[in-house]
């Protein structure tokens, strides 16, 4: 999924705002929103909260998890555990970016929150890289016996081929005549042995 698509999904998450205007309930494709009354909290999608905040029509209340103490606990647990720890929102990174970019004045200790979320993200990415490296090493370890077997089979085929073709592995360009003579003598010996078994060359004879 592209970053823009993830951010689009994050903008559909609900946050609480405190409007400073009055408006009856509005009907949208995604559902009804409102009514809006000055000073009364109401839940709206992030995209609408940002729009109203930019127009100075509301004050944003940060999500419950967007708190320095809670984020420190999440970061410390993430560092301590070997596996991934549950996050407060599947879009915690995108929500932090959006809300801090457009409503940082409504979020206490915004800079610390930004740092804590980034530290948690970096820890999770380090775990992911470590897990991927471990998986690759395991695959390589499983592949080594098969590679050794393939090399053994290749060597066996090479040796077998050399046995059936003795002159194949030699550098014939150095003395091609001696190679041909040797092969001719071998054929003659086999031929004579078939015709006259008693004349077959004994061990030690050329």
N, C-alpha and C. Protein backbone atom coordinates (compact mmCIF):
# COMPACT_ATOMS: atom_id res chain seq x y z
N UNK A 1 0.83 -1.19 0.00
CA UNK A 1 0.00 0.00 0.00
C UNK A 1 0.88 1.25 0.00
N UNK A 2 0.51 2.23 -0.83
CA UNK A 2 1.28 3.46 -0.94
C UNK A 2 1.07 4.34 0.29
N UNK A 3 2.08 5.18 0.64
CA UNK A 3 1.93 6.08 1.80
C UNK A 3 0.70 6.96 1.70
N UNK A 4 0.38 7.44 0.50
CA UNK A 4 -0.79 8.29 0.33
C UNK A 4 -2.08 7.55 0.66
N UNK A 5 -2.13 6.25 0.32
CA UNK A 5 -3.31 5.46 0.62
C UNK A 5 -3.45 5.24 2.13
N UNK A 6 -2.33 5.00 2.81
CA UNK A 6 -2.37 4.81 4.26
C UNK A 6 -2.82 6.10 4.94
N UNK A 7 -2.32 7.23 4.47
CA UNK A 7 -2.71 8.52 5.04
C UNK A 7 -4.19 8.78 4.80
N UNK A 8 -4.70 8.38 3.65
CA UNK A 8 -6.12 8.54 3.35
C UNK A 8 -6.97 7.76 4.35
N UNK A 9 -6.55 6.52 4.66
CA UNK A 9 -7.27 5.71 5.64
C UNK A 9 -7.17 6.31 7.03
N UNK A 10 -6.01 6.85 7.36
CA UNK A 10 -5.83 7.46 8.68
C UNK A 10 -6.74 8.67 8.84
N UNK A 11 -6.99 9.42 7.77
CA UNK A 11 -7.84 10.61 7.84
C UNK A 11 -9.30 10.27 8.12
N UNK A 12 -9.67 8.99 7.96
CA UNK A 12 -11.04 8.57 8.25
C UNK A 12 -11.23 8.19 9.72
N UNK A 13 -10.13 8.12 10.48
CA UNK A 13 -10.23 7.82 11.91
C UNK A 13 -10.94 8.98 12.63
N UNK A 14 -11.61 8.64 13.72
CA UNK A 14 -12.36 9.65 14.45
C UNK A 14 -11.52 10.29 15.55
N UNK A 15 -11.66 11.59 15.71
CA UNK A 15 -11.04 12.34 16.81
C UNK A 15 -12.11 13.27 17.39
N UNK A 16 -11.83 13.76 18.57
CA UNK A 16 -12.78 14.65 19.25
C UNK A 16 -12.35 16.10 19.08
N UNK A 17 -13.30 16.94 18.76
CA UNK A 17 -13.05 18.38 18.67
C UNK A 17 -14.05 19.11 19.56
N UNK A 18 -13.71 20.35 19.89
CA UNK A 18 -14.63 21.25 20.60
C UNK A 18 -14.91 22.43 19.67
N UNK A 19 -16.05 22.45 19.01
CA UNK A 19 -16.34 23.52 18.04
C UNK A 19 -16.65 24.84 18.72
N UNK A 20 -16.48 25.90 17.99
CA UNK A 20 -16.85 27.23 18.48
C UNK A 20 -17.95 27.84 17.62
N UNK A 21 -18.73 26.98 16.98
CA UNK A 21 -19.81 27.43 16.10
C UNK A 21 -21.01 26.51 16.28
N UNK A 22 -22.10 26.90 15.74
CA UNK A 22 -23.33 26.10 15.78
C UNK A 22 -23.69 25.62 14.37
N UNK A 23 -24.05 24.36 14.31
CA UNK A 23 -24.45 23.79 13.02
C UNK A 23 -25.26 22.54 13.29
N UNK A 24 -26.35 22.39 12.53
CA UNK A 24 -27.16 21.19 12.68
C UNK A 24 -26.41 19.97 12.14
N UNK A 25 -26.98 18.84 12.38
CA UNK A 25 -26.39 17.59 11.89
C UNK A 25 -26.22 17.65 10.38
N UNK A 26 -25.04 17.19 9.90
CA UNK A 26 -24.79 17.15 8.46
C UNK A 26 -24.76 15.70 8.01
N UNK A 27 -25.25 15.47 6.80
CA UNK A 27 -25.39 14.12 6.28
C UNK A 27 -24.36 13.90 5.16
N UNK A 28 -23.47 12.96 5.39
CA UNK A 28 -22.43 12.64 4.42
C UNK A 28 -22.57 11.19 3.99
N UNK A 29 -21.86 10.83 2.93
CA UNK A 29 -21.90 9.44 2.44
C UNK A 29 -21.41 8.47 3.52
N UNK A 30 -20.38 8.90 4.26
CA UNK A 30 -19.82 8.03 5.29
C UNK A 30 -20.63 7.98 6.56
N UNK A 31 -21.66 8.81 6.68
CA UNK A 31 -22.49 8.83 7.88
C UNK A 31 -22.79 10.25 8.32
N UNK A 32 -23.65 10.37 9.31
CA UNK A 32 -24.05 11.69 9.82
C UNK A 32 -23.03 12.20 10.82
N UNK A 33 -22.83 13.51 10.82
CA UNK A 33 -21.92 14.16 11.76
C UNK A 33 -22.65 15.32 12.44
N UNK A 34 -22.32 15.54 13.73
CA UNK A 34 -22.93 16.63 14.47
C UNK A 34 -24.09 16.13 15.31
N UNK A 35 -24.88 17.06 15.81
CA UNK A 35 -24.80 18.51 15.59
C UNK A 35 -23.60 19.14 16.30
N UNK A 36 -23.28 20.36 15.88
CA UNK A 36 -22.14 21.09 16.43
C UNK A 36 -22.66 22.26 17.28
N UNK A 37 -22.21 22.26 18.52
CA UNK A 37 -22.59 23.32 19.44
C UNK A 37 -21.35 23.86 20.13
N UNK A 38 -21.23 25.16 20.28
CA UNK A 38 -20.03 25.75 20.89
C UNK A 38 -19.75 25.17 22.28
N UNK A 39 -18.49 24.71 22.45
CA UNK A 39 -18.05 24.21 23.75
C UNK A 39 -18.42 22.77 24.03
N UNK A 40 -19.17 22.10 23.15
CA UNK A 40 -19.56 20.71 23.38
C UNK A 40 -18.74 19.77 22.49
N UNK A 41 -17.98 18.83 23.10
CA UNK A 41 -17.15 17.92 22.30
C UNK A 41 -17.99 17.08 21.35
N UNK A 42 -17.42 16.80 20.19
CA UNK A 42 -18.09 15.97 19.19
C UNK A 42 -17.02 15.22 18.40
N UNK A 43 -17.33 14.01 18.01
CA UNK A 43 -16.39 13.20 17.23
C UNK A 43 -16.60 13.45 15.74
N UNK A 44 -15.46 13.64 15.05
CA UNK A 44 -15.49 13.84 13.60
C UNK A 44 -14.28 13.13 13.00
N UNK A 45 -14.30 12.86 11.70
CA UNK A 45 -13.11 12.28 11.06
C UNK A 45 -11.94 13.26 11.10
N UNK A 46 -10.75 12.71 11.04
CA UNK A 46 -9.54 13.54 11.10
C UNK A 46 -9.54 14.59 9.99
N UNK A 47 -9.97 14.21 8.80
CA UNK A 47 -9.93 15.15 7.68
C UNK A 47 -10.79 16.38 7.96
N UNK A 48 -11.94 16.18 8.63
CA UNK A 48 -12.81 17.30 8.95
C UNK A 48 -12.25 18.12 10.11
N UNK A 49 -11.67 17.43 11.09
CA UNK A 49 -11.07 18.12 12.22
C UNK A 49 -9.95 19.04 11.75
N UNK A 50 -9.13 18.57 10.82
CA UNK A 50 -8.04 19.39 10.29
C UNK A 50 -8.59 20.58 9.52
N UNK A 51 -9.63 20.34 8.73
CA UNK A 51 -10.24 21.42 7.96
C UNK A 51 -10.80 22.51 8.87
N UNK A 52 -11.50 22.10 9.93
CA UNK A 52 -12.07 23.07 10.86
C UNK A 52 -10.98 23.78 11.65
N UNK A 53 -9.94 23.03 12.00
CA UNK A 53 -8.84 23.64 12.75
C UNK A 53 -8.14 24.70 11.91
N UNK A 54 -7.92 24.43 10.64
CA UNK A 54 -7.28 25.40 9.75
C UNK A 54 -8.12 26.67 9.60
N UNK A 55 -9.41 26.51 9.73
CA UNK A 55 -10.32 27.66 9.62
C UNK A 55 -10.61 28.27 11.00
N UNK A 56 -9.90 27.77 12.02
CA UNK A 56 -10.05 28.26 13.40
C UNK A 56 -11.48 28.14 13.89
N UNK A 57 -12.10 26.99 13.55
CA UNK A 57 -13.48 26.74 13.95
C UNK A 57 -13.59 25.76 15.11
N UNK A 58 -12.45 25.26 15.58
CA UNK A 58 -12.52 24.26 16.66
C UNK A 58 -11.19 24.16 17.39
N UNK A 59 -11.25 23.46 18.51
CA UNK A 59 -10.05 23.06 19.25
C UNK A 59 -10.02 21.55 19.25
N UNK A 60 -8.87 21.00 18.95
CA UNK A 60 -8.76 19.55 18.83
C UNK A 60 -8.32 18.94 20.17
N UNK A 61 -8.96 17.84 20.53
CA UNK A 61 -8.57 17.08 21.72
C UNK A 61 -7.78 15.87 21.24
N UNK A 62 -6.51 15.75 21.64
CA UNK A 62 -5.70 14.63 21.12
C UNK A 62 -6.24 13.28 21.59
N UNK A 63 -5.99 12.22 20.82
CA UNK A 63 -6.40 10.88 21.24
C UNK A 63 -5.81 10.53 22.60
N UNK A 64 -6.47 9.63 23.31
CA UNK A 64 -6.05 9.27 24.66
C UNK A 64 -4.62 8.74 24.70
N UNK A 65 -4.22 8.01 23.65
CA UNK A 65 -2.88 7.41 23.63
C UNK A 65 -1.79 8.43 23.31
N UNK A 66 -2.18 9.60 22.81
CA UNK A 66 -1.18 10.61 22.44
C UNK A 66 -0.77 11.40 23.68
N UNK A 67 -0.13 10.67 24.58
CA UNK A 67 0.28 11.22 25.87
C UNK A 67 1.72 10.76 26.13
N UNK A 68 2.56 11.63 26.67
CA UNK A 68 3.97 11.31 26.85
C UNK A 68 4.15 10.08 27.72
N UNK A 69 3.45 10.00 28.84
CA UNK A 69 3.60 8.86 29.75
C UNK A 69 3.23 7.54 29.08
N UNK A 70 2.10 7.52 28.37
CA UNK A 70 1.65 6.28 27.72
C UNK A 70 2.58 5.90 26.57
N UNK A 71 3.05 6.88 25.83
CA UNK A 71 3.96 6.58 24.72
C UNK A 71 5.32 6.09 25.21
N UNK A 72 5.76 6.58 26.37
CA UNK A 72 7.00 6.07 26.95
C UNK A 72 6.86 4.60 27.32
N UNK A 73 5.71 4.22 27.87
CA UNK A 73 5.45 2.82 28.21
C UNK A 73 5.46 1.95 26.95
N UNK A 74 4.82 2.44 25.90
CA UNK A 74 4.78 1.68 24.64
C UNK A 74 6.19 1.52 24.07
N UNK A 75 6.96 2.62 24.08
CA UNK A 75 8.33 2.54 23.55
C UNK A 75 9.19 1.57 24.35
N UNK A 76 9.12 1.65 25.68
CA UNK A 76 9.94 0.78 26.53
C UNK A 76 9.54 -0.69 26.36
N UNK A 77 8.25 -0.95 26.24
CA UNK A 77 7.79 -2.33 26.03
C UNK A 77 8.24 -2.85 24.67
N UNK A 78 8.20 -1.98 23.68
CA UNK A 78 8.65 -2.37 22.34
C UNK A 78 10.13 -2.73 22.34
N UNK A 79 10.92 -1.99 23.07
CA UNK A 79 12.36 -2.27 23.14
C UNK A 79 12.65 -3.54 23.92
N UNK A 80 11.79 -3.85 24.90
CA UNK A 80 12.05 -4.99 25.77
C UNK A 80 11.63 -6.31 25.13
N UNK A 81 10.55 -6.30 24.37
CA UNK A 81 10.01 -7.52 23.79
C UNK A 81 10.71 -7.85 22.47
N UNK A 82 10.84 -9.16 22.21
CA UNK A 82 11.40 -9.60 20.93
C UNK A 82 10.39 -9.50 19.80
N UNK A 83 9.12 -9.62 20.15
CA UNK A 83 8.07 -9.54 19.14
C UNK A 83 7.45 -8.14 19.14
N UNK A 84 6.61 -7.89 18.14
CA UNK A 84 5.95 -6.60 18.06
C UNK A 84 4.89 -6.47 19.15
N UNK A 85 4.83 -5.32 19.77
CA UNK A 85 3.80 -5.05 20.78
C UNK A 85 2.62 -4.35 20.11
N UNK A 86 1.40 -4.55 20.64
CA UNK A 86 0.23 -3.91 20.03
C UNK A 86 0.34 -2.39 20.09
N UNK A 87 -0.03 -1.75 19.00
CA UNK A 87 -0.03 -0.30 18.93
C UNK A 87 -1.44 0.23 19.24
N UNK A 88 -1.53 1.47 19.72
CA UNK A 88 -2.84 2.03 20.08
C UNK A 88 -3.74 2.25 18.87
N UNK A 89 -3.13 2.37 17.69
CA UNK A 89 -3.89 2.57 16.46
C UNK A 89 -3.08 2.00 15.30
N UNK A 90 -3.74 1.38 14.34
CA UNK A 90 -2.99 0.90 13.17
C UNK A 90 -2.35 2.03 12.36
N UNK A 91 -2.82 3.25 12.58
CA UNK A 91 -2.30 4.41 11.85
C UNK A 91 -1.64 5.40 12.80
N UNK A 92 -1.01 4.88 13.86
CA UNK A 92 -0.45 5.77 14.88
C UNK A 92 0.60 6.72 14.30
N UNK A 93 1.37 6.24 13.34
CA UNK A 93 2.42 7.08 12.76
C UNK A 93 1.81 8.19 11.91
N UNK A 94 0.84 7.84 11.07
CA UNK A 94 0.20 8.83 10.20
C UNK A 94 -0.61 9.83 11.01
N UNK A 95 -1.32 9.35 12.05
CA UNK A 95 -2.11 10.26 12.89
C UNK A 95 -1.22 11.25 13.62
N UNK A 96 -0.09 10.76 14.13
CA UNK A 96 0.84 11.65 14.82
C UNK A 96 1.33 12.74 13.88
N UNK A 97 1.68 12.34 12.67
CA UNK A 97 2.17 13.33 11.69
C UNK A 97 1.09 14.36 11.36
N UNK A 98 -0.12 13.91 11.09
CA UNK A 98 -1.20 14.82 10.70
C UNK A 98 -1.57 15.77 11.84
N UNK A 99 -1.78 15.22 13.03
CA UNK A 99 -2.24 16.05 14.13
C UNK A 99 -1.17 17.02 14.62
N UNK A 100 0.08 16.57 14.61
CA UNK A 100 1.15 17.47 15.05
C UNK A 100 1.45 18.54 14.00
N UNK A 101 1.21 18.22 12.73
CA UNK A 101 1.45 19.21 11.68
C UNK A 101 0.39 20.32 11.68
N UNK A 102 -0.87 19.97 12.03
CA UNK A 102 -1.96 20.93 11.90
C UNK A 102 -2.55 21.40 13.22
N UNK A 103 -2.24 20.69 14.32
CA UNK A 103 -2.85 21.09 15.59
C UNK A 103 -1.89 20.92 16.76
N UNK A 104 -0.63 21.19 16.54
CA UNK A 104 0.36 20.99 17.60
C UNK A 104 0.11 21.90 18.80
N UNK A 105 -0.55 23.04 18.57
CA UNK A 105 -0.83 23.95 19.68
C UNK A 105 -1.89 23.40 20.63
N UNK A 106 -2.63 22.38 20.18
CA UNK A 106 -3.64 21.74 21.03
C UNK A 106 -3.14 20.46 21.69
N UNK A 107 -1.87 20.10 21.43
CA UNK A 107 -1.33 18.83 21.95
C UNK A 107 -0.18 19.15 22.89
N UNK A 108 -0.34 18.88 24.19
CA UNK A 108 0.73 19.16 25.15
C UNK A 108 1.98 18.34 24.86
N UNK A 109 3.14 18.99 25.00
CA UNK A 109 4.45 18.35 24.83
C UNK A 109 4.54 17.67 23.46
N UNK A 110 4.18 18.42 22.45
CA UNK A 110 4.11 17.87 21.08
C UNK A 110 5.46 17.36 20.60
N UNK A 111 6.53 18.08 20.89
CA UNK A 111 7.85 17.66 20.41
C UNK A 111 8.27 16.33 21.04
N UNK A 112 7.97 16.14 22.33
CA UNK A 112 8.31 14.88 22.99
C UNK A 112 7.50 13.73 22.41
N UNK A 113 6.25 14.00 22.10
CA UNK A 113 5.40 12.97 21.50
C UNK A 113 5.94 12.56 20.14
N UNK A 114 6.35 13.53 19.37
CA UNK A 114 6.91 13.24 18.04
C UNK A 114 8.15 12.34 18.17
N UNK A 115 9.01 12.65 19.13
CA UNK A 115 10.24 11.87 19.33
C UNK A 115 9.93 10.46 19.80
N UNK A 116 8.98 10.32 20.73
CA UNK A 116 8.63 9.00 21.26
C UNK A 116 8.03 8.10 20.17
N UNK A 117 7.18 8.66 19.36
CA UNK A 117 6.56 7.87 18.27
C UNK A 117 7.63 7.45 17.27
N UNK A 118 8.56 8.34 16.95
CA UNK A 118 9.63 8.00 16.02
C UNK A 118 10.54 6.91 16.60
N UNK A 119 10.85 7.01 17.91
CA UNK A 119 11.68 5.98 18.54
C UNK A 119 10.99 4.61 18.48
N UNK A 120 9.69 4.60 18.74
CA UNK A 120 8.94 3.34 18.66
C UNK A 120 8.95 2.79 17.25
N UNK A 121 8.76 3.66 16.28
CA UNK A 121 8.77 3.25 14.87
C UNK A 121 10.13 2.67 14.48
N UNK A 122 11.20 3.35 14.88
CA UNK A 122 12.55 2.89 14.56
C UNK A 122 12.84 1.53 15.19
N UNK A 123 12.37 1.32 16.40
CA UNK A 123 12.57 0.04 17.07
C UNK A 123 11.85 -1.07 16.32
N UNK A 124 10.65 -0.80 15.88
CA UNK A 124 9.88 -1.82 15.14
C UNK A 124 10.53 -2.12 13.79
N UNK A 125 11.07 -1.10 13.13
CA UNK A 125 11.73 -1.32 11.85
C UNK A 125 13.03 -2.14 12.03
N UNK A 126 13.74 -1.89 13.14
CA UNK A 126 14.95 -2.67 13.41
C UNK A 126 14.59 -4.14 13.64
N UNK A 127 13.50 -4.39 14.35
CA UNK A 127 13.04 -5.77 14.54
C UNK A 127 12.69 -6.42 13.22
N UNK A 128 12.03 -5.67 12.36
CA UNK A 128 11.63 -6.21 11.06
C UNK A 128 12.84 -6.57 10.23
N UNK A 129 13.85 -5.69 10.22
CA UNK A 129 15.08 -5.99 9.46
C UNK A 129 15.79 -7.21 10.03
N UNK A 130 15.85 -7.30 11.35
CA UNK A 130 16.49 -8.44 11.99
C UNK A 130 15.76 -9.73 11.66
N UNK A 131 14.44 -9.68 11.68
CA UNK A 131 13.64 -10.86 11.34
C UNK A 131 13.86 -11.27 9.89
N UNK A 132 13.93 -10.28 8.99
CA UNK A 132 14.16 -10.59 7.57
C UNK A 132 15.54 -11.20 7.36
N UNK A 133 16.56 -10.65 8.03
CA UNK A 133 17.92 -11.19 7.90
C UNK A 133 17.98 -12.62 8.42
N UNK A 134 17.30 -12.87 9.54
CA UNK A 134 17.29 -14.22 10.11
C UNK A 134 16.61 -15.20 9.15
N UNK A 135 15.52 -14.76 8.53
CA UNK A 135 14.82 -15.62 7.57
C UNK A 135 15.71 -15.95 6.38
N UNK A 136 16.41 -14.95 5.87
CA UNK A 136 17.31 -15.18 4.73
C UNK A 136 18.42 -16.15 5.10
N UNK A 137 18.99 -15.99 6.30
CA UNK A 137 20.06 -16.90 6.73
C UNK A 137 19.54 -18.33 6.86
N UNK A 138 18.33 -18.49 7.36
CA UNK A 138 17.75 -19.83 7.48
C UNK A 138 17.56 -20.46 6.11
N UNK A 139 17.09 -19.65 5.15
CA UNK A 139 16.91 -20.17 3.80
C UNK A 139 18.24 -20.59 3.20
N UNK A 140 19.29 -19.79 3.45
CA UNK A 140 20.61 -20.13 2.94
C UNK A 140 21.14 -21.40 3.60
N UNK A 141 20.87 -21.56 4.90
CA UNK A 141 21.33 -22.76 5.61
C UNK A 141 20.66 -24.00 5.07
N UNK A 142 19.36 -23.86 4.75
CA UNK A 142 18.64 -25.01 4.17
C UNK A 142 19.11 -25.29 2.75
N UNK A 143 19.55 -24.26 2.07
CA UNK A 143 19.97 -24.43 0.67
C UNK A 143 21.35 -25.06 0.56
N UNK A 144 22.21 -24.92 1.57
CA UNK A 144 23.58 -25.43 1.48
C UNK A 144 23.66 -26.93 1.22
N UNK A 145 22.89 -27.78 1.95
CA UNK A 145 22.96 -29.23 1.64
C UNK A 145 22.61 -29.54 0.20
N UNK A 146 21.61 -28.82 -0.34
CA UNK A 146 21.24 -29.06 -1.73
C UNK A 146 22.33 -28.59 -2.68
N UNK A 147 23.00 -27.50 -2.35
CA UNK A 147 24.11 -27.04 -3.18
C UNK A 147 25.25 -28.04 -3.15
N UNK A 148 25.53 -28.58 -1.94
CA UNK A 148 26.60 -29.58 -1.83
C UNK A 148 26.25 -30.83 -2.62
N UNK A 149 24.97 -31.23 -2.55
CA UNK A 149 24.54 -32.40 -3.31
C UNK A 149 24.65 -32.16 -4.80
N UNK A 150 24.28 -30.97 -5.24
CA UNK A 150 24.39 -30.64 -6.66
C UNK A 150 25.83 -30.65 -7.12
N UNK A 151 26.73 -30.13 -6.29
CA UNK A 151 28.15 -30.15 -6.64
C UNK A 151 28.68 -31.57 -6.70
N UNK A 152 28.22 -32.41 -5.75
CA UNK A 152 28.66 -33.81 -5.73
C UNK A 152 28.18 -34.53 -6.99
N UNK A 153 26.92 -34.29 -7.36
CA UNK A 153 26.39 -34.93 -8.57
C UNK A 153 27.13 -34.44 -9.81
N UNK A 154 27.43 -33.15 -9.83
CA UNK A 154 28.16 -32.60 -10.97
C UNK A 154 29.55 -33.22 -11.09
N UNK A 155 30.21 -33.38 -9.94
CA UNK A 155 31.53 -33.99 -9.94
C UNK A 155 31.46 -35.45 -10.38
N UNK A 156 30.39 -36.14 -9.90
CA UNK A 156 30.21 -37.54 -10.27
C UNK A 156 30.03 -37.68 -11.78
N UNK A 157 29.20 -36.80 -12.34
CA UNK A 157 28.97 -36.84 -13.78
C UNK A 157 30.26 -36.54 -14.55
N UNK A 158 31.04 -35.60 -14.03
CA UNK A 158 32.31 -35.25 -14.68
C UNK A 158 33.27 -36.43 -14.65
N UNK A 159 33.36 -37.08 -13.48
CA UNK A 159 34.26 -38.22 -13.35
C UNK A 159 33.80 -39.38 -14.23
N UNK A 160 32.49 -39.61 -14.28
CA UNK A 160 31.96 -40.69 -15.11
C UNK A 160 32.22 -40.43 -16.57
N UNK A 161 32.04 -39.21 -16.98
CA UNK A 161 32.28 -38.83 -18.37
C UNK A 161 33.75 -38.99 -18.72
N UNK A 162 34.63 -38.61 -17.78
CA UNK A 162 36.06 -38.76 -18.03
C UNK A 162 36.46 -40.22 -18.11
N UNK A 163 35.75 -41.07 -17.32
CA UNK A 163 36.06 -42.50 -17.35
C UNK A 163 35.69 -43.11 -18.70
N UNK A 164 34.54 -42.69 -19.22
CA UNK A 164 34.10 -43.23 -20.51
C UNK A 164 34.79 -42.54 -21.68
N UNK A 165 35.31 -41.36 -21.47
CA UNK A 165 36.03 -40.63 -22.51
C UNK A 165 37.37 -40.18 -21.96
N UNK A 166 38.34 -41.09 -21.85
CA UNK A 166 39.60 -40.80 -21.15
C UNK A 166 40.34 -39.60 -21.71
N UNK A 167 40.24 -39.38 -22.98
CA UNK A 167 41.03 -38.30 -23.56
C UNK A 167 40.34 -36.95 -23.52
N UNK A 168 39.09 -36.92 -22.96
CA UNK A 168 38.31 -35.69 -23.03
C UNK A 168 38.86 -34.61 -22.13
N UNK A 169 39.41 -35.02 -20.98
CA UNK A 169 39.90 -34.02 -20.04
C UNK A 169 41.31 -33.59 -20.29
N UNK A 170 41.97 -34.10 -21.33
CA UNK A 170 43.36 -33.76 -21.59
C UNK A 170 43.45 -32.59 -22.55
N UNK A 171 44.57 -31.95 -22.53
CA UNK A 171 44.82 -30.85 -23.47
C UNK A 171 45.39 -31.45 -24.75
N UNK A 172 44.51 -31.74 -25.73
CA UNK A 172 44.94 -32.46 -26.92
C UNK A 172 45.80 -31.60 -27.83
N UNK A 173 45.74 -30.32 -27.68
CA UNK A 173 46.51 -29.45 -28.58
C UNK A 173 48.01 -29.62 -28.37
N UNK A 174 48.41 -30.13 -27.17
CA UNK A 174 49.83 -30.30 -26.92
C UNK A 174 50.40 -31.48 -27.72
N UNK A 175 49.68 -32.61 -27.70
CA UNK A 175 50.18 -33.79 -28.42
C UNK A 175 48.99 -34.62 -28.88
N UNK A 176 48.24 -34.17 -29.89
CA UNK A 176 47.06 -34.89 -30.33
C UNK A 176 47.38 -36.27 -30.87
N UNK A 177 48.57 -36.45 -31.46
CA UNK A 177 48.91 -37.74 -32.06
C UNK A 177 49.04 -38.82 -30.99
N UNK A 178 49.67 -38.54 -29.86
CA UNK A 178 49.85 -39.55 -28.83
C UNK A 178 48.51 -39.97 -28.26
N UNK A 179 47.55 -39.03 -28.15
CA UNK A 179 46.23 -39.36 -27.64
C UNK A 179 45.52 -40.31 -28.60
N UNK A 180 45.60 -40.05 -29.88
CA UNK A 180 44.97 -40.92 -30.87
C UNK A 180 45.61 -42.30 -30.88
N UNK A 181 46.94 -42.37 -30.77
CA UNK A 181 47.63 -43.66 -30.75
C UNK A 181 47.22 -44.47 -29.54
N UNK A 182 47.13 -43.81 -28.38
CA UNK A 182 46.75 -44.53 -27.18
C UNK A 182 45.35 -45.11 -27.31
N UNK A 183 44.40 -44.33 -27.82
CA UNK A 183 43.05 -44.82 -27.99
C UNK A 183 43.01 -45.96 -29.02
N UNK A 184 43.82 -45.86 -30.10
CA UNK A 184 43.86 -46.93 -31.10
C UNK A 184 44.40 -48.22 -30.49
N UNK A 185 45.42 -48.13 -29.67
CA UNK A 185 45.98 -49.31 -29.00
C UNK A 185 44.95 -49.97 -28.08
N UNK A 186 44.14 -49.12 -27.38
CA UNK A 186 43.11 -49.69 -26.51
C UNK A 186 42.09 -50.47 -27.32
N UNK A 187 41.66 -49.91 -28.44
CA UNK A 187 40.70 -50.61 -29.29
C UNK A 187 41.30 -51.91 -29.84
N UNK A 188 42.56 -51.87 -30.25
CA UNK A 188 43.22 -53.08 -30.77
C UNK A 188 43.30 -54.16 -29.71
N UNK A 189 43.63 -53.77 -28.48
CA UNK A 189 43.73 -54.75 -27.39
C UNK A 189 42.40 -55.42 -27.15
N UNK A 190 41.33 -54.61 -27.11
CA UNK A 190 40.00 -55.17 -26.90
C UNK A 190 39.61 -56.10 -28.05
N UNK A 191 39.96 -55.71 -29.27
CA UNK A 191 39.62 -56.50 -30.44
C UNK A 191 40.36 -57.84 -30.41
N UNK A 192 41.65 -57.82 -30.07
CA UNK A 192 42.44 -59.05 -30.01
C UNK A 192 41.97 -59.94 -28.89
N UNK A 193 41.55 -59.35 -27.76
CA UNK A 193 41.07 -60.16 -26.64
C UNK A 193 39.80 -60.91 -27.01
N UNK A 194 38.94 -60.27 -27.82
CA UNK A 194 37.71 -60.94 -28.22
C UNK A 194 38.00 -62.09 -29.17
N UNK A 195 38.97 -61.91 -30.09
CA UNK A 195 39.29 -62.97 -31.06
C UNK A 195 40.13 -64.07 -30.44
N UNK A 196 41.13 -63.70 -29.68
CA UNK A 196 42.04 -64.67 -29.09
C UNK A 196 42.21 -64.34 -27.60
N UNK A 197 41.36 -64.88 -26.75
CA UNK A 197 41.44 -64.57 -25.32
C UNK A 197 42.80 -64.84 -24.73
N UNK A 198 43.52 -65.88 -25.24
CA UNK A 198 44.83 -66.20 -24.67
C UNK A 198 45.87 -65.12 -24.97
N UNK A 199 45.59 -64.25 -25.99
CA UNK A 199 46.55 -63.24 -26.37
C UNK A 199 46.27 -61.88 -25.71
N UNK A 200 45.26 -61.91 -24.85
CA UNK A 200 44.92 -60.63 -24.18
C UNK A 200 46.09 -60.18 -23.34
N UNK A 201 46.43 -58.89 -23.33
CA UNK A 201 47.56 -58.39 -22.58
C UNK A 201 47.38 -58.62 -21.09
N UNK A 202 48.44 -59.05 -20.41
CA UNK A 202 48.41 -59.26 -18.97
C UNK A 202 48.72 -57.97 -18.27
N UNK A 203 48.49 -57.95 -16.95
CA UNK A 203 48.78 -56.74 -16.17
C UNK A 203 50.27 -56.42 -16.29
N UNK A 204 50.57 -55.19 -16.54
CA UNK A 204 51.98 -54.78 -16.67
C UNK A 204 52.39 -54.63 -18.10
N UNK A 205 51.60 -55.19 -19.03
CA UNK A 205 51.96 -55.07 -20.44
C UNK A 205 51.32 -53.80 -21.00
N UNK A 206 51.98 -53.26 -22.03
CA UNK A 206 51.43 -52.05 -22.66
C UNK A 206 50.22 -52.41 -23.46
